[in-house]
Amino acid sequence: MTCHKCASEIHINAKFCGVCGQTMIVQETQEFEKPLKKVLIFFILLMVYIVVTHFIELHSNYVLELAVDLCFAGLILLFAIIDWKSYLHLFRIPKVEWRWVGLIICLSPIFAFGVEKFANYYNQYLVGQEFIGYYSSYLDTPIPFLFAIISVGVFPALFEELAFRGIFFHELRKVISVQGTILLTAIFFFLMHLTLIPILWILPIGLLTGYMRYKKNTLWYGILLHFTYNSSFVFFEYFELYF
């Protein structure tokens, strides 16, 4: 639960905010139903949208893929704008903890490298499917590298973090514990990818970004991790093709 005055995270049964001292109004049972309904509606809309676009051949038309990305961002922004004051503080620039930044920038590509090798082996030798690269999918665009970074790195980092560690996290925190919120948002994040094997790396990433969202009360560390991890796949393929 968050304080309606200073937006600080507080215990769900707290009578006072430990940061600003604001008196908390005890919520009745019906007030717990509202965030759950919002979570359910938002999740269903996201899943319907993702399932529908999953069957569209996006890689054959970068304009269509850009349009799909913009629609996805618009859907998330629509829900965020409804209660924008609850999420605004998550985008404030925090005091930078360089140790966290350094760990994210150094470890994300290493983790991504391991995931790429496993995924390539799985696709090639276990299921016999050809993997469409993150960079090669954009070779027909005017600036392939830029389009790949925007679509693979920037859009997911910003809007998926806003959706899962912003909207879902905020609403679920009103009714369940921190641990439950982190776990459930990570599971939602995994389900959005519609495949089973990636649970080995998507779920841990969801848990880590959820933990950072709670611990630092900002989305920026999760956005940095998400962007660095996703963009690493573009860099790997780019250097493999041209160097």
Protein backbone atom coordinates (compact mmCIF):
# COMPACT_ATOMS: atom_id res chain seq x y z
CA MET A 1 0.00 0.00 0.00
CA THR A 2 1.19 3.54 -0.66
CA CYS A 3 0.60 6.76 1.28
CA HIS A 4 -1.85 8.96 -0.63
CA LYS A 5 0.08 12.06 0.48
CA CYS A 6 3.76 11.24 -0.16
CA ALA A 7 3.40 7.98 -2.18
CA SER A 8 5.77 6.09 0.15
CA GLU A 9 5.36 2.31 0.51
CA ILE A 10 3.73 1.43 3.84
CA HIS A 11 2.39 -1.69 5.51
CA ILE A 12 -1.09 -2.67 4.38
CA ASN A 13 -2.49 -2.35 7.95
CA ALA A 14 -0.55 0.78 8.94
CA LYS A 15 -2.48 3.54 10.68
CA PHE A 16 0.18 6.20 10.00
CA CYS A 17 2.73 6.80 7.24
CA GLY A 18 6.23 6.34 8.67
CA VAL A 19 7.64 8.96 6.30
CA CYS A 20 5.23 11.92 6.45
CA GLY A 21 3.04 10.96 9.42
CA GLN A 22 -0.19 11.07 7.42
CA THR A 23 -3.09 9.22 9.03
CA MET A 24 -4.17 6.23 7.00
CA ILE A 25 -7.85 5.47 6.48
CA VAL A 26 -8.69 1.85 7.20
CA GLN A 27 -9.90 0.21 4.00
CA GLU A 28 -13.08 -1.75 3.96
CA THR A 29 -13.47 -5.06 2.14
CA GLN A 30 -15.09 -3.49 -0.91
CA GLU A 31 -12.12 -1.16 -1.33
CA PHE A 32 -9.89 -4.20 -1.80
CA GLU A 33 -12.07 -5.39 -4.66
CA LYS A 34 -11.37 -2.32 -6.79
CA PRO A 35 -7.60 -2.91 -7.28
CA LEU A 36 -8.20 -6.62 -7.93
CA LYS A 37 -10.74 -5.81 -10.63
CA LYS A 38 -8.33 -3.33 -12.17
CA VAL A 39 -5.55 -5.95 -12.19
CA LEU A 40 -7.83 -8.56 -13.73
CA ILE A 41 -9.14 -6.24 -16.46
CA PHE A 42 -5.67 -4.95 -17.30
CA PHE A 43 -4.18 -8.44 -17.41
CA ILE A 44 -6.98 -9.81 -19.63
CA LEU A 45 -6.65 -6.89 -22.06
CA LEU A 46 -2.87 -7.30 -22.24
CA MET A 47 -3.11 -11.06 -22.81
CA VAL A 48 -5.81 -10.71 -25.49
CA TYR A 49 -3.72 -8.09 -27.26
CA ILE A 50 -0.54 -10.20 -27.04
CA VAL A 51 -2.25 -13.39 -28.21
CA VAL A 52 -3.82 -11.62 -31.20
CA THR A 53 -0.56 -9.95 -32.26
CA HIS A 54 1.32 -13.23 -31.73
CA PHE A 55 -0.33 -14.61 -34.86
CA ILE A 56 0.54 -11.57 -36.99
CA GLU A 57 3.69 -11.87 -39.14
CA LEU A 58 5.28 -8.73 -37.73
CA HIS A 59 8.84 -9.33 -38.89
CA SER A 60 7.79 -9.01 -42.54
CA ASN A 61 6.74 -5.37 -42.11
CA TYR A 62 8.56 -3.02 -39.77
CA VAL A 63 5.83 -0.35 -40.12
CA LEU A 64 3.26 -2.86 -38.86
CA GLU A 65 5.55 -3.85 -36.00
CA LEU A 66 6.06 -0.22 -35.05
CA ALA A 67 2.29 0.28 -35.07
CA VAL A 68 1.83 -2.75 -32.81
CA ASP A 69 4.48 -1.41 -30.42
CA LEU A 70 2.74 1.97 -30.29
CA CYS A 71 -0.65 0.36 -29.64
CA PHE A 72 0.87 -1.70 -26.82
CA ALA A 73 2.40 1.44 -25.32
CA GLY A 74 -0.90 3.28 -25.72
CA LEU A 75 -2.84 0.58 -23.88
CA ILE A 76 -0.44 0.73 -20.94
CA LEU A 77 -0.38 4.54 -20.90
CA LEU A 78 -4.18 4.61 -20.91
CA PHE A 79 -4.31 2.62 -17.67
CA ALA A 80 -1.47 4.65 -16.17
CA ILE A 81 -3.10 8.00 -16.97
CA ILE A 82 -6.29 6.97 -15.15
CA ASP A 83 -4.35 7.10 -11.87
CA TRP A 84 -1.22 8.96 -13.01
CA LYS A 85 -0.43 10.49 -9.62
CA SER A 86 0.17 7.01 -8.19
CA TYR A 87 2.90 6.28 -10.76
CA LEU A 88 4.51 9.67 -11.28
CA HIS A 89 6.93 9.27 -8.37
CA LEU A 90 8.28 6.06 -9.91
CA PHE A 91 9.78 8.10 -12.76
CA ARG A 92 11.49 10.69 -10.61
CA ILE A 93 15.25 10.49 -10.98
CA PRO A 94 16.55 8.97 -7.73
CA LYS A 95 19.93 9.49 -6.16
CA VAL A 96 22.04 7.26 -8.37
CA GLU A 97 23.55 4.25 -6.62
CA TRP A 98 26.48 3.53 -8.91
CA ARG A 99 27.08 0.10 -7.43
CA TRP A 100 23.64 -1.01 -8.65
CA VAL A 101 24.15 0.67 -12.03
CA GLY A 102 27.55 -0.98 -12.47
CA LEU A 103 26.23 -4.42 -11.54
CA ILE A 104 23.29 -4.10 -13.93
CA ILE A 105 25.43 -2.93 -16.85
CA CYS A 106 28.10 -5.60 -16.28
CA LEU A 107 25.97 -8.62 -15.39
CA SER A 108 23.00 -8.16 -17.76
CA PRO A 109 25.03 -8.83 -20.95
CA ILE A 110 26.70 -11.85 -19.33
CA PHE A 111 23.32 -13.31 -18.40
CA ALA A 112 21.97 -12.48 -21.87
CA PHE A 113 24.96 -14.22 -23.48
CA GLY A 114 24.22 -17.41 -21.55
CA VAL A 115 20.53 -17.22 -22.44
CA GLU A 116 21.35 -16.70 -26.13
CA LYS A 117 23.63 -19.77 -26.25
CA PHE A 118 21.04 -21.94 -24.51
CA ALA A 119 18.18 -20.66 -26.70
CA ASN A 120 20.17 -21.25 -29.90
CA TYR A 121 21.05 -24.78 -28.80
CA TYR A 122 17.45 -25.49 -27.81
CA ASN A 123 16.04 -24.17 -31.09
CA GLN A 124 18.61 -25.86 -33.30
CA TYR A 125 19.10 -29.27 -31.72
CA LEU A 126 16.04 -29.96 -29.60
CA VAL A 127 13.11 -28.54 -31.55
CA GLY A 128 14.69 -28.05 -34.98
CA GLN A 129 13.34 -24.54 -35.46
CA GLU A 130 15.14 -21.66 -37.10
CA PHE A 131 15.54 -18.72 -34.75
CA ILE A 132 14.84 -15.28 -36.22
CA GLY A 133 17.46 -12.93 -34.79
CA TYR A 134 16.63 -9.74 -32.99
CA TYR A 135 18.81 -7.67 -35.33
CA SER A 136 18.25 -9.50 -38.63
CA SER A 137 14.49 -9.01 -38.23
CA TYR A 138 15.04 -5.30 -38.96
CA LEU A 139 17.38 -5.51 -41.95
CA ASP A 140 14.65 -4.15 -44.24
CA THR A 141 14.27 -0.96 -42.17
CA PRO A 142 16.02 2.33 -43.07
CA ILE A 143 18.36 2.08 -40.05
CA PRO A 144 18.34 -1.58 -38.88
CA PHE A 145 20.41 -1.16 -35.72
CA LEU A 146 18.43 1.84 -34.49
CA PHE A 147 15.06 0.23 -35.20
CA ALA A 148 16.18 -2.98 -33.45
CA ILE A 149 17.35 -1.11 -30.34
CA ILE A 150 14.12 0.90 -30.15
CA SER A 151 11.80 -2.08 -30.67
CA VAL A 152 13.75 -4.68 -28.68
CA GLY A 153 15.36 -2.49 -26.03
CA VAL A 154 13.59 0.82 -25.46
CA PHE A 155 9.89 -0.03 -25.86
CA PRO A 156 9.87 -3.18 -23.66
CA ALA A 157 12.05 -1.57 -21.00
CA LEU A 158 9.83 1.46 -20.61
CA PHE A 159 6.35 0.10 -21.11
CA GLU A 160 6.64 -3.43 -19.74
CA GLU A 161 8.21 -2.03 -16.57
CA LEU A 162 5.43 0.55 -16.29
CA ALA A 163 2.85 -2.21 -16.78
CA PHE A 164 4.25 -4.88 -14.45
CA ARG A 165 6.38 -3.04 -11.88
CA GLY A 166 4.21 0.07 -12.09
CA ILE A 167 0.50 -0.64 -12.56
CA PHE A 168 0.33 -4.29 -11.49
CA PHE A 169 2.74 -3.78 -8.60
CA HIS A 170 0.90 -0.72 -7.28
CA GLU A 171 -2.54 -2.32 -7.42
CA LEU A 172 -1.50 -5.71 -6.01
CA ARG A 173 0.42 -4.08 -3.17
CA LYS A 174 -2.88 -2.68 -1.90
CA VAL A 175 -4.18 -6.17 -1.14
CA ILE A 176 -1.24 -8.57 -0.71
CA SER A 177 2.23 -8.61 0.85
CA VAL A 178 5.42 -7.32 -0.77
CA GLN A 179 6.67 -10.87 -1.36
CA GLY A 180 3.37 -11.88 -2.94
CA THR A 181 3.34 -8.78 -5.13
CA ILE A 182 6.89 -9.37 -6.40
CA LEU A 183 6.14 -13.02 -7.15
CA LEU A 184 2.79 -12.40 -8.83
CA THR A 185 4.06 -9.58 -11.05
CA ALA A 186 6.97 -11.84 -12.09
CA ILE A 187 4.51 -14.62 -12.99
CA PHE A 188 2.37 -12.17 -15.00
CA PHE A 189 5.53 -11.01 -16.75
CA PHE A 190 6.42 -14.59 -17.66
CA LEU A 191 2.91 -15.44 -18.88
CA MET A 192 3.02 -12.47 -21.24
CA HIS A 193 5.76 -14.20 -23.26
CA LEU A 194 3.49 -17.17 -24.14
CA THR A 195 6.24 -19.82 -24.02
CA LEU A 196 7.32 -22.26 -21.30
CA ILE A 197 11.11 -22.64 -21.64
CA PRO A 198 11.89 -18.92 -21.03
CA ILE A 199 10.62 -19.35 -17.45
CA LEU A 200 14.26 -20.26 -16.70
CA TRP A 201 15.35 -16.66 -17.28
CA ILE A 202 12.22 -14.48 -17.54
CA LEU A 203 10.93 -15.36 -14.08
CA PRO A 204 14.25 -14.51 -12.33
CA ILE A 205 14.40 -11.20 -14.23
CA GLY A 206 10.83 -10.44 -13.16
CA LEU A 207 11.65 -11.23 -9.54
CA LEU A 208 14.79 -9.07 -9.60
CA THR A 209 13.12 -6.05 -11.22
CA GLY A 210 10.22 -6.38 -8.78
CA TYR A 211 12.63 -6.44 -5.86
CA MET A 212 14.42 -3.33 -7.15
CA ARG A 213 11.08 -1.58 -7.68
CA TYR A 214 10.17 -2.22 -4.04
CA LYS A 215 13.59 -1.57 -2.55
CA LYS A 216 14.39 1.61 -4.47
CA ASN A 217 10.81 2.90 -5.01
CA THR A 218 11.61 3.72 -8.64
CA LEU A 219 11.30 2.05 -12.03
CA TRP A 220 14.62 3.30 -13.39
CA TYR A 221 16.82 0.45 -12.16
CA GLY A 222 14.39 -2.09 -13.61
CA ILE A 223 14.21 -0.11 -16.86
CA LEU A 224 18.02 -0.06 -17.07
CA LEU A 225 18.24 -3.81 -16.44
CA HIS A 226 15.48 -4.56 -18.95
CA PHE A 227 17.03 -2.33 -21.60
CA THR A 228 20.58 -3.62 -21.11
CA TYR A 229 19.49 -7.26 -21.13
CA ASN A 230 17.27 -6.97 -24.23
CA SER A 231 19.67 -4.76 -26.18
CA SER A 232 22.51 -7.20 -25.53
CA PHE A 233 20.90 -9.66 -27.96
CA VAL A 234 20.92 -7.00 -30.68
CA PHE A 235 24.59 -6.20 -30.04
CA PHE A 236 25.56 -9.89 -30.03
CA GLU A 237 23.94 -10.56 -33.38
CA TYR A 238 25.24 -7.31 -34.90
CA PHE A 239 28.85 -8.08 -33.99
CA GLU A 240 28.44 -11.71 -35.08
CA LEU A 241 27.29 -10.56 -38.54
CA TYR A 242 29.77 -7.74 -39.16
CA PHE A 243 32.90 -8.45 -37.11
